[in-house]
Amino acid sequence: MVSLRSSGRHHLGRSENERRCGRHGRVIVTKILAGRPKDIDDVRGILRERKSSLNLDLIRETLGLLDQALDRSDLSPLLEDELRKLGN
């Protein structure tokens, strides 16, 4: 799917949420979805280094949509647990 914006830029296969989520946000969502210990370690590192620049509301929304679509309930809580561990 290609959507064109007035800027003339092409966005191939990305939803509006994906574009607004940002690169680090997409990495966080992907790694939480994968769920391996190394992926969760990577999530911790990204949160530690980039938390202030992340759109956490959008990351939460995306994880919530994935929880629903995949009939899961562990993705959103995993992000919240990692944020709590950072003292937030």
N, C-alpha and C. Protein backbone atom coordinates (compact mmCIF):
# COMPACT_ATOMS: atom_id res chain seq x y z
N MET A 1 0.84 -1.17 0.00
CA MET A 1 0.00 0.00 0.00
C MET A 1 0.89 1.24 0.00
N VAL A 2 0.59 2.18 -0.85
CA VAL A 2 1.32 3.44 -0.93
C VAL A 2 0.35 4.56 -0.65
N SER A 3 0.72 5.41 0.27
CA SER A 3 -0.10 6.59 0.50
C SER A 3 0.77 7.81 0.22
N LEU A 4 0.21 8.78 -0.44
CA LEU A 4 0.94 10.00 -0.78
C LEU A 4 0.46 11.12 0.10
N ARG A 5 1.39 11.91 0.54
CA ARG A 5 1.05 13.09 1.31
C ARG A 5 1.34 14.31 0.46
N SER A 6 0.88 15.45 0.90
CA SER A 6 1.08 16.67 0.14
C SER A 6 2.56 16.99 -0.04
N SER A 7 3.41 16.49 0.83
CA SER A 7 4.84 16.72 0.71
C SER A 7 5.43 15.93 -0.45
N GLY A 8 4.63 15.00 -1.03
CA GLY A 8 5.12 14.19 -2.12
C GLY A 8 5.90 12.97 -1.67
N ARG A 9 6.04 12.78 -0.38
CA ARG A 9 6.78 11.63 0.13
C ARG A 9 5.92 10.39 0.05
N HIS A 10 6.53 9.27 -0.22
CA HIS A 10 5.84 7.99 -0.30
C HIS A 10 6.04 7.25 1.01
N HIS A 11 4.99 6.63 1.51
CA HIS A 11 5.05 5.82 2.72
C HIS A 11 4.61 4.42 2.35
N LEU A 12 5.56 3.55 2.18
CA LEU A 12 5.27 2.20 1.73
C LEU A 12 4.93 1.30 2.91
N GLY A 13 3.68 0.82 2.95
CA GLY A 13 3.30 -0.20 3.90
C GLY A 13 3.31 0.21 5.36
N ARG A 14 3.34 1.47 5.66
CA ARG A 14 3.35 1.89 7.06
C ARG A 14 2.05 2.58 7.40
N SER A 15 1.50 2.22 8.55
CA SER A 15 0.28 2.88 9.01
C SER A 15 0.65 4.23 9.61
N GLU A 16 -0.36 5.04 9.86
CA GLU A 16 -0.13 6.34 10.48
C GLU A 16 0.52 6.16 11.85
N ASN A 17 0.06 5.16 12.64
CA ASN A 17 0.66 4.91 13.95
C ASN A 17 2.14 4.59 13.82
N GLU A 18 2.50 3.78 12.84
CA GLU A 18 3.91 3.41 12.66
C GLU A 18 4.75 4.64 12.36
N ARG A 19 4.26 5.53 11.53
CA ARG A 19 5.01 6.74 11.20
C ARG A 19 5.16 7.65 12.41
N ARG A 20 4.11 7.79 13.20
CA ARG A 20 4.16 8.68 14.36
C ARG A 20 4.94 8.08 15.52
N CYS A 21 5.05 6.77 15.56
CA CYS A 21 5.69 6.08 16.67
C CYS A 21 7.20 6.34 16.69
N GLY A 22 7.80 6.56 15.56
CA GLY A 22 9.22 6.81 15.48
C GLY A 22 10.03 5.53 15.46
N ARG A 23 11.25 5.66 15.03
CA ARG A 23 12.11 4.49 14.86
C ARG A 23 12.32 3.73 16.16
N HIS A 24 12.64 4.42 17.23
CA HIS A 24 12.89 3.73 18.50
C HIS A 24 11.61 3.12 19.07
N GLY A 25 10.50 3.80 18.86
CA GLY A 25 9.22 3.25 19.30
C GLY A 25 8.89 1.96 18.57
N ARG A 26 9.15 1.94 17.26
CA ARG A 26 8.90 0.72 16.48
C ARG A 26 9.80 -0.41 16.94
N VAL A 27 11.04 -0.09 17.27
CA VAL A 27 11.96 -1.11 17.77
C VAL A 27 11.45 -1.67 19.10
N ILE A 28 11.00 -0.80 19.98
CA ILE A 28 10.47 -1.24 21.27
C ILE A 28 9.29 -2.18 21.07
N VAL A 29 8.35 -1.78 20.22
CA VAL A 29 7.17 -2.61 19.97
C VAL A 29 7.58 -3.97 19.41
N THR A 30 8.48 -3.97 18.44
CA THR A 30 8.92 -5.21 17.81
C THR A 30 9.62 -6.12 18.80
N LYS A 31 10.47 -5.55 19.64
CA LYS A 31 11.22 -6.36 20.60
C LYS A 31 10.32 -6.89 21.71
N ILE A 32 9.34 -6.10 22.14
CA ILE A 32 8.39 -6.61 23.13
C ILE A 32 7.58 -7.75 22.52
N LEU A 33 7.19 -7.61 21.28
CA LEU A 33 6.45 -8.66 20.60
C LEU A 33 7.29 -9.94 20.49
N ALA A 34 8.58 -9.81 20.19
CA ALA A 34 9.46 -10.98 20.11
C ALA A 34 9.62 -11.62 21.49
N GLY A 35 9.85 -10.80 22.50
CA GLY A 35 9.82 -11.25 23.88
C GLY A 35 10.99 -12.08 24.39
N ARG A 36 12.04 -12.23 23.59
CA ARG A 36 13.20 -12.99 24.08
C ARG A 36 13.94 -12.17 25.13
N PRO A 37 14.66 -12.82 26.04
CA PRO A 37 15.38 -12.07 27.08
C PRO A 37 16.29 -10.98 26.50
N LYS A 38 17.00 -11.25 25.41
CA LYS A 38 17.86 -10.24 24.80
C LYS A 38 17.03 -9.07 24.28
N ASP A 39 15.86 -9.36 23.72
CA ASP A 39 15.00 -8.28 23.23
C ASP A 39 14.54 -7.39 24.37
N ILE A 40 14.18 -8.00 25.48
CA ILE A 40 13.72 -7.21 26.64
C ILE A 40 14.88 -6.39 27.20
N ASP A 41 16.09 -6.93 27.20
CA ASP A 41 17.27 -6.15 27.60
C ASP A 41 17.45 -4.94 26.68
N ASP A 42 17.24 -5.15 25.39
CA ASP A 42 17.34 -4.05 24.43
C ASP A 42 16.28 -2.98 24.72
N VAL A 43 15.07 -3.42 25.04
CA VAL A 43 13.99 -2.48 25.39
C VAL A 43 14.41 -1.64 26.59
N ARG A 44 14.98 -2.29 27.60
CA ARG A 44 15.45 -1.55 28.79
C ARG A 44 16.46 -0.48 28.41
N GLY A 45 17.41 -0.86 27.55
CA GLY A 45 18.44 0.10 27.12
C GLY A 45 17.85 1.28 26.37
N ILE A 46 16.92 1.01 25.47
CA ILE A 46 16.29 2.10 24.71
C ILE A 46 15.51 3.01 25.65
N LEU A 47 14.76 2.42 26.56
CA LEU A 47 13.99 3.22 27.52
C LEU A 47 14.92 4.07 28.38
N ARG A 48 16.00 3.49 28.82
CA ARG A 48 16.96 4.21 29.66
C ARG A 48 17.56 5.40 28.91
N GLU A 49 17.94 5.18 27.66
CA GLU A 49 18.65 6.21 26.89
C GLU A 49 17.74 7.21 26.19
N ARG A 50 16.53 6.82 25.83
CA ARG A 50 15.71 7.64 24.94
C ARG A 50 14.32 7.94 25.47
N LYS A 51 14.03 7.60 26.72
CA LYS A 51 12.68 7.72 27.24
C LYS A 51 12.07 9.10 27.02
N SER A 52 12.85 10.12 27.23
CA SER A 52 12.29 11.48 27.12
C SER A 52 11.87 11.83 25.70
N SER A 53 12.43 11.17 24.70
CA SER A 53 12.08 11.49 23.31
C SER A 53 11.07 10.51 22.71
N LEU A 54 10.65 9.51 23.49
CA LEU A 54 9.71 8.51 22.98
C LEU A 54 8.27 8.97 23.13
N ASN A 55 7.43 8.58 22.20
CA ASN A 55 5.99 8.82 22.30
C ASN A 55 5.39 7.60 23.02
N LEU A 56 5.48 7.61 24.35
CA LEU A 56 5.04 6.46 25.14
C LEU A 56 3.55 6.20 24.99
N ASP A 57 2.75 7.24 24.84
CA ASP A 57 1.31 7.03 24.65
C ASP A 57 1.04 6.24 23.38
N LEU A 58 1.75 6.56 22.33
CA LEU A 58 1.55 5.85 21.07
C LEU A 58 2.09 4.43 21.13
N ILE A 59 3.20 4.24 21.82
CA ILE A 59 3.75 2.89 22.01
C ILE A 59 2.74 2.06 22.80
N ARG A 60 2.18 2.64 23.84
CA ARG A 60 1.15 1.94 24.63
C ARG A 60 -0.06 1.59 23.76
N GLU A 61 -0.50 2.54 22.95
CA GLU A 61 -1.64 2.30 22.07
C GLU A 61 -1.35 1.16 21.09
N THR A 62 -0.18 1.18 20.51
CA THR A 62 0.21 0.14 19.54
C THR A 62 0.26 -1.23 20.21
N LEU A 63 0.86 -1.30 21.39
CA LEU A 63 0.92 -2.58 22.11
C LEU A 63 -0.47 -3.06 22.49
N GLY A 64 -1.35 -2.14 22.87
CA GLY A 64 -2.72 -2.51 23.20
C GLY A 64 -3.46 -3.08 21.99
N LEU A 65 -3.25 -2.47 20.83
CA LEU A 65 -3.86 -2.98 19.60
C LEU A 65 -3.33 -4.37 19.26
N LEU A 66 -2.02 -4.57 19.46
CA LEU A 66 -1.44 -5.89 19.21
C LEU A 66 -1.97 -6.92 20.21
N ASP A 67 -2.09 -6.52 21.48
CA ASP A 67 -2.68 -7.43 22.47
C ASP A 67 -4.05 -7.91 22.00
N GLN A 68 -4.87 -6.97 21.54
CA GLN A 68 -6.22 -7.33 21.07
C GLN A 68 -6.18 -8.19 19.82
N ALA A 69 -5.40 -7.76 18.84
CA ALA A 69 -5.37 -8.45 17.55
C ALA A 69 -4.83 -9.87 17.67
N LEU A 70 -3.89 -10.07 18.57
CA LEU A 70 -3.24 -11.37 18.73
C LEU A 70 -3.83 -12.18 19.88
N ASP A 71 -4.91 -11.65 20.49
CA ASP A 71 -5.54 -12.31 21.63
C ASP A 71 -4.53 -12.60 22.73
N ARG A 72 -3.76 -11.57 23.04
CA ARG A 72 -2.75 -11.66 24.10
C ARG A 72 -3.07 -10.61 25.14
N SER A 73 -2.41 -10.72 26.28
CA SER A 73 -2.60 -9.71 27.31
C SER A 73 -1.29 -9.39 28.03
N ASP A 74 -0.17 -9.78 27.41
CA ASP A 74 1.12 -9.64 28.08
C ASP A 74 1.99 -8.52 27.52
N LEU A 75 1.66 -7.97 26.37
CA LEU A 75 2.55 -6.99 25.74
C LEU A 75 2.53 -5.65 26.46
N SER A 76 1.36 -5.10 26.67
CA SER A 76 1.26 -3.80 27.36
C SER A 76 1.82 -3.85 28.77
N PRO A 77 1.48 -4.88 29.57
CA PRO A 77 2.04 -4.95 30.92
C PRO A 77 3.58 -5.07 30.93
N LEU A 78 4.15 -5.69 29.91
CA LEU A 78 5.60 -5.82 29.87
C LEU A 78 6.25 -4.44 29.77
N LEU A 79 5.71 -3.57 28.92
CA LEU A 79 6.23 -2.20 28.82
C LEU A 79 6.10 -1.49 30.16
N GLU A 80 4.93 -1.59 30.78
CA GLU A 80 4.71 -0.90 32.06
C GLU A 80 5.66 -1.42 33.14
N ASP A 81 5.91 -2.73 33.16
CA ASP A 81 6.86 -3.30 34.12
C ASP A 81 8.25 -2.72 33.92
N GLU A 82 8.67 -2.62 32.66
CA GLU A 82 10.01 -2.08 32.39
C GLU A 82 10.09 -0.60 32.75
N LEU A 83 9.04 0.15 32.52
CA LEU A 83 9.03 1.55 32.92
C LEU A 83 9.08 1.69 34.43
N ARG A 84 8.34 0.83 35.14
CA ARG A 84 8.37 0.85 36.61
C ARG A 84 9.78 0.56 37.13
N LYS A 85 10.45 -0.40 36.52
CA LYS A 85 11.81 -0.75 36.94
C LYS A 85 12.77 0.43 36.79
N LEU A 86 12.47 1.33 35.84
CA LEU A 86 13.30 2.51 35.66
C LEU A 86 12.96 3.62 36.66
N GLY A 87 11.93 3.37 37.47
CA GLY A 87 11.55 4.34 38.48
C GLY A 87 10.54 5.35 38.00
N ASN A 88 9.66 4.92 37.09
CA ASN A 88 8.66 5.85 36.55
C ASN A 88 7.29 5.43 36.99
